[in-house]
Amino acid sequence: MSSPRSKRVGIGARPPANPHAEAWIRQGDADALNKGDLYTARLTLDVTPALRARIKIGAFGQGVTVAELLRGLLEREFPDKRPENLP
């Protein structure tokens, strides 16, 4: 018993890109700050799995990411005390 062969349909070439659209995509939002512009240092901490879970639950309860929660905590604990920031 022979099965009928399917006709192979080739995929055509990619359509030419719109240079204006490509430039717009690469440009992005010029007014937006990249996360790297704000936070350029990485801090690694070893915590117990139980503490990690409590941190994650606390962040979720506040509607923020763990990173945002910890940044806020560290900012409150270690405020910037440079002279230009004092009253």
N, C-alpha and C. Protein backbone atom coordinates (compact mmCIF):
# COMPACT_ATOMS: atom_id res chain seq x y z
N MET A 1 0.85 -1.17 0.00
CA MET A 1 0.00 0.00 0.00
C MET A 1 0.90 1.23 0.00
N SER A 2 0.68 2.08 -0.93
CA SER A 2 1.51 3.28 -1.02
C SER A 2 0.69 4.50 -0.61
N SER A 3 1.33 5.41 0.11
CA SER A 3 0.63 6.62 0.54
C SER A 3 0.94 7.75 -0.44
N PRO A 4 -0.03 8.58 -0.70
CA PRO A 4 0.23 9.71 -1.60
C PRO A 4 1.20 10.68 -0.95
N ARG A 5 2.12 11.17 -1.74
CA ARG A 5 3.11 12.10 -1.20
C ARG A 5 2.52 13.50 -1.12
N SER A 6 2.88 14.21 -0.05
CA SER A 6 2.42 15.59 0.10
C SER A 6 3.28 16.49 -0.77
N LYS A 7 2.67 17.50 -1.25
CA LYS A 7 3.40 18.49 -2.02
C LYS A 7 4.15 19.39 -1.05
N ARG A 8 5.42 19.57 -1.25
CA ARG A 8 6.20 20.46 -0.38
C ARG A 8 6.03 21.89 -0.85
N VAL A 9 5.75 22.74 0.08
CA VAL A 9 5.62 24.15 -0.23
C VAL A 9 6.82 24.85 0.38
N GLY A 10 7.58 25.53 -0.44
CA GLY A 10 8.75 26.24 0.05
C GLY A 10 8.37 27.54 0.72
N ILE A 11 9.17 27.93 1.66
CA ILE A 11 8.95 29.21 2.33
C ILE A 11 9.68 30.26 1.52
N GLY A 12 9.00 31.32 1.23
CA GLY A 12 9.58 32.38 0.41
C GLY A 12 10.62 33.18 1.16
N ALA A 13 11.25 34.06 0.45
CA ALA A 13 12.27 34.92 1.04
C ALA A 13 11.61 35.94 1.97
N ARG A 14 12.36 36.36 2.93
CA ARG A 14 11.87 37.37 3.87
C ARG A 14 11.63 38.67 3.10
N PRO A 15 10.49 39.32 3.36
CA PRO A 15 10.24 40.58 2.65
C PRO A 15 11.26 41.64 3.07
N PRO A 16 11.52 42.58 2.19
CA PRO A 16 12.50 43.62 2.55
C PRO A 16 12.00 44.44 3.73
N ALA A 17 12.92 44.80 4.59
CA ALA A 17 12.58 45.56 5.79
C ALA A 17 12.34 47.02 5.44
N ASN A 18 11.47 47.63 6.20
CA ASN A 18 11.21 49.05 6.05
C ASN A 18 12.28 49.79 6.85
N PRO A 19 13.18 50.53 6.19
CA PRO A 19 14.27 51.17 6.92
C PRO A 19 13.80 52.18 7.97
N HIS A 20 12.65 52.83 7.72
CA HIS A 20 12.13 53.79 8.70
C HIS A 20 11.64 53.06 9.95
N ALA A 21 10.99 51.93 9.75
CA ALA A 21 10.51 51.16 10.90
C ALA A 21 11.68 50.59 11.69
N GLU A 22 12.69 50.08 10.99
CA GLU A 22 13.87 49.55 11.67
C GLU A 22 14.56 50.63 12.50
N ALA A 23 14.70 51.83 11.95
CA ALA A 23 15.34 52.93 12.67
C ALA A 23 14.53 53.31 13.90
N TRP A 24 13.20 53.30 13.76
CA TRP A 24 12.33 53.66 14.88
C TRP A 24 12.47 52.63 16.00
N ILE A 25 12.55 51.36 15.64
CA ILE A 25 12.69 50.30 16.65
C ILE A 25 14.02 50.44 17.37
N ARG A 26 15.09 50.68 16.63
CA ARG A 26 16.42 50.80 17.25
C ARG A 26 16.53 52.04 18.12
N GLN A 27 15.82 53.09 17.75
CA GLN A 27 15.88 54.35 18.50
C GLN A 27 15.29 54.18 19.89
N GLY A 28 14.17 53.51 19.99
CA GLY A 28 13.52 53.32 21.28
C GLY A 28 12.99 54.63 21.82
N ASP A 29 12.73 54.68 23.09
CA ASP A 29 12.24 55.88 23.75
C ASP A 29 13.44 56.63 24.29
N ALA A 30 13.78 57.74 23.67
CA ALA A 30 14.98 58.48 24.04
C ALA A 30 14.88 59.04 25.46
N ASP A 31 13.65 59.29 25.94
CA ASP A 31 13.48 59.88 27.27
C ASP A 31 13.57 58.84 28.39
N ALA A 32 13.41 57.58 28.07
CA ALA A 32 13.41 56.54 29.10
C ALA A 32 14.84 56.22 29.53
N LEU A 33 15.00 56.00 30.83
CA LEU A 33 16.29 55.59 31.36
C LEU A 33 16.38 54.08 31.31
N ASN A 34 17.53 53.58 30.97
CA ASN A 34 17.76 52.14 31.03
C ASN A 34 18.06 51.76 32.47
N LYS A 35 17.69 50.57 32.84
CA LYS A 35 17.96 50.09 34.20
C LYS A 35 19.45 50.17 34.49
N GLY A 36 20.28 49.91 33.51
CA GLY A 36 21.73 49.97 33.68
C GLY A 36 22.22 51.37 33.98
N ASP A 37 21.45 52.39 33.55
CA ASP A 37 21.84 53.77 33.86
C ASP A 37 21.67 54.06 35.34
N LEU A 38 20.72 53.39 35.98
CA LEU A 38 20.46 53.64 37.39
C LEU A 38 21.26 52.72 38.30
N TYR A 39 21.29 51.45 37.96
CA TYR A 39 21.91 50.45 38.82
C TYR A 39 23.05 49.79 38.06
N THR A 40 24.27 50.12 38.43
CA THR A 40 25.41 49.58 37.69
C THR A 40 26.24 48.61 38.51
N ALA A 41 25.92 48.43 39.77
CA ALA A 41 26.68 47.51 40.62
C ALA A 41 25.78 46.36 41.04
N ARG A 42 26.34 45.18 41.11
CA ARG A 42 25.58 44.00 41.52
C ARG A 42 26.03 43.60 42.92
N LEU A 43 25.07 43.22 43.74
CA LEU A 43 25.34 42.79 45.11
C LEU A 43 24.76 41.39 45.28
N THR A 44 25.60 40.46 45.69
CA THR A 44 25.16 39.08 45.87
C THR A 44 25.18 38.74 47.35
N LEU A 45 24.08 38.19 47.83
CA LEU A 45 23.96 37.81 49.24
C LEU A 45 23.61 36.34 49.35
N ASP A 46 24.17 35.68 50.34
CA ASP A 46 23.79 34.31 50.64
C ASP A 46 22.78 34.35 51.77
N VAL A 47 21.58 33.83 51.52
CA VAL A 47 20.54 33.78 52.54
C VAL A 47 19.99 32.36 52.59
N THR A 48 19.34 32.05 53.68
CA THR A 48 18.74 30.72 53.81
C THR A 48 17.52 30.63 52.89
N PRO A 49 17.15 29.44 52.49
CA PRO A 49 15.95 29.30 51.67
C PRO A 49 14.70 29.85 52.37
N ALA A 50 14.64 29.72 53.69
CA ALA A 50 13.48 30.23 54.43
C ALA A 50 13.42 31.76 54.36
N LEU A 51 14.57 32.42 54.52
CA LEU A 51 14.59 33.88 54.44
C LEU A 51 14.25 34.33 53.02
N ARG A 52 14.80 33.64 52.04
CA ARG A 52 14.50 33.98 50.64
C ARG A 52 12.99 33.89 50.39
N ALA A 53 12.36 32.86 50.92
CA ALA A 53 10.92 32.70 50.75
C ALA A 53 10.16 33.84 51.41
N ARG A 54 10.58 34.22 52.63
CA ARG A 54 9.90 35.33 53.32
C ARG A 54 10.06 36.63 52.55
N ILE A 55 11.24 36.86 51.98
CA ILE A 55 11.47 38.08 51.19
C ILE A 55 10.56 38.09 49.96
N LYS A 56 10.49 36.95 49.27
CA LYS A 56 9.66 36.86 48.07
C LYS A 56 8.18 37.08 48.40
N ILE A 57 7.72 36.48 49.49
CA ILE A 57 6.32 36.65 49.90
C ILE A 57 6.05 38.10 50.27
N GLY A 58 6.99 38.72 50.99
CA GLY A 58 6.82 40.13 51.35
C GLY A 58 6.77 41.03 50.13
N ALA A 59 7.63 40.78 49.16
CA ALA A 59 7.65 41.59 47.94
C ALA A 59 6.34 41.41 47.18
N PHE A 60 5.89 40.16 47.06
CA PHE A 60 4.63 39.89 46.37
C PHE A 60 3.47 40.59 47.06
N GLY A 61 3.46 40.56 48.38
CA GLY A 61 2.41 41.22 49.14
C GLY A 61 2.38 42.73 48.95
N GLN A 62 3.54 43.31 48.68
CA GLN A 62 3.63 44.76 48.45
C GLN A 62 3.48 45.12 46.98
N GLY A 63 3.41 44.11 46.13
CA GLY A 63 3.24 44.37 44.70
C GLY A 63 4.49 44.89 44.02
N VAL A 64 5.66 44.49 44.53
CA VAL A 64 6.93 44.93 43.94
C VAL A 64 7.80 43.70 43.70
N THR A 65 8.87 43.91 42.96
CA THR A 65 9.82 42.81 42.77
C THR A 65 10.72 42.71 43.99
N VAL A 66 11.38 41.58 44.12
CA VAL A 66 12.32 41.39 45.23
C VAL A 66 13.42 42.45 45.15
N ALA A 67 13.91 42.73 43.95
CA ALA A 67 14.97 43.73 43.79
C ALA A 67 14.50 45.10 44.25
N GLU A 68 13.27 45.49 43.88
CA GLU A 68 12.75 46.79 44.30
C GLU A 68 12.59 46.85 45.81
N LEU A 69 12.10 45.78 46.40
CA LEU A 69 11.93 45.74 47.85
C LEU A 69 13.27 45.89 48.56
N LEU A 70 14.28 45.14 48.10
CA LEU A 70 15.59 45.20 48.75
C LEU A 70 16.28 46.54 48.52
N ARG A 71 16.12 47.13 47.33
CA ARG A 71 16.70 48.47 47.10
C ARG A 71 16.10 49.48 48.07
N GLY A 72 14.77 49.43 48.23
CA GLY A 72 14.12 50.35 49.17
C GLY A 72 14.60 50.15 50.59
N LEU A 73 14.72 48.90 51.00
CA LEU A 73 15.22 48.57 52.34
C LEU A 73 16.62 49.11 52.54
N LEU A 74 17.49 48.89 51.57
CA LEU A 74 18.87 49.36 51.69
C LEU A 74 18.95 50.89 51.66
N GLU A 75 18.10 51.54 50.87
CA GLU A 75 18.07 53.01 50.85
C GLU A 75 17.64 53.57 52.20
N ARG A 76 16.64 52.94 52.83
CA ARG A 76 16.20 53.41 54.15
C ARG A 76 17.27 53.17 55.21
N GLU A 77 17.94 52.04 55.15
CA GLU A 77 18.97 51.68 56.13
C GLU A 77 20.24 52.50 55.94
N PHE A 78 20.57 52.80 54.70
CA PHE A 78 21.82 53.50 54.38
C PHE A 78 21.53 54.69 53.48
N PRO A 79 20.92 55.75 54.04
CA PRO A 79 20.59 56.91 53.20
C PRO A 79 21.84 57.62 52.70
N ASP A 80 21.68 58.31 51.59
CA ASP A 80 22.78 59.07 51.00
C ASP A 80 22.99 60.32 51.86
N LYS A 81 24.15 60.45 52.49
CA LYS A 81 24.42 61.57 53.41
C LYS A 81 25.46 62.52 52.85
N ARG A 82 25.50 62.64 51.53
CA ARG A 82 26.43 63.61 50.93
C ARG A 82 25.97 65.02 51.28
N PRO A 83 26.88 65.99 51.40
CA PRO A 83 26.52 67.35 51.80
C PRO A 83 25.43 67.98 50.93
N GLU A 84 25.41 67.71 49.63
CA GLU A 84 24.40 68.34 48.78
C GLU A 84 23.01 67.77 49.04
N ASN A 85 22.91 66.66 49.76
CA ASN A 85 21.62 66.06 50.05
C ASN A 85 21.13 66.37 51.47
N LEU A 86 21.89 67.12 52.22
CA LEU A 86 21.48 67.48 53.58
C LEU A 86 20.70 68.79 53.55
N PRO A 87 19.73 68.95 54.48
CA PRO A 87 18.92 70.19 54.51
C PRO A 87 19.70 71.40 54.95
